[in-house]
Amino acid sequence: MHEIFVNTTIDDGTDIADLMSCFVKKEVSNPKFPILSNAVKEIKSTEGGDSSMSKLMEDLLAEGEAKGKAEGKAEGKIEQLIELVQQGLLQLTDAAKVSGIPVEEFKKLL
């Protein structure tokens, strides 16, 4: 997972700046982004818009929760492998192989 931060207040004339400006406006009508413009219009102007937005947010939160749990499990697995290597119960190369991390990278974790 990667996080990308953008500034929604600076308009440098790029498509990204145009797109980000759509997310801070109450009404969006940008010909460069017709799908986004129509989706925002539908959500804000139709009777079912609120419920579809609520459903969308619920889905996004559930997806984020699931990813967080998976990442937590992966981190826990790596921590266990590190501990086993440090205790001399598991070879470094085996721990790296099981974790899917290159040996040199795994060494840095020790």
Foldseek 3Di string as FASTA:
>chain_A
DDDDDDDQPDCPPDPVNVVSVQVPDQADDDPVCVVVNVLSCCLPPDPCNVVVVVVVVVVVVVVVVVVVVVVVVLVVLLVVLLVCVVVVNDPLVVSCVVSVHPSVVSVVVD
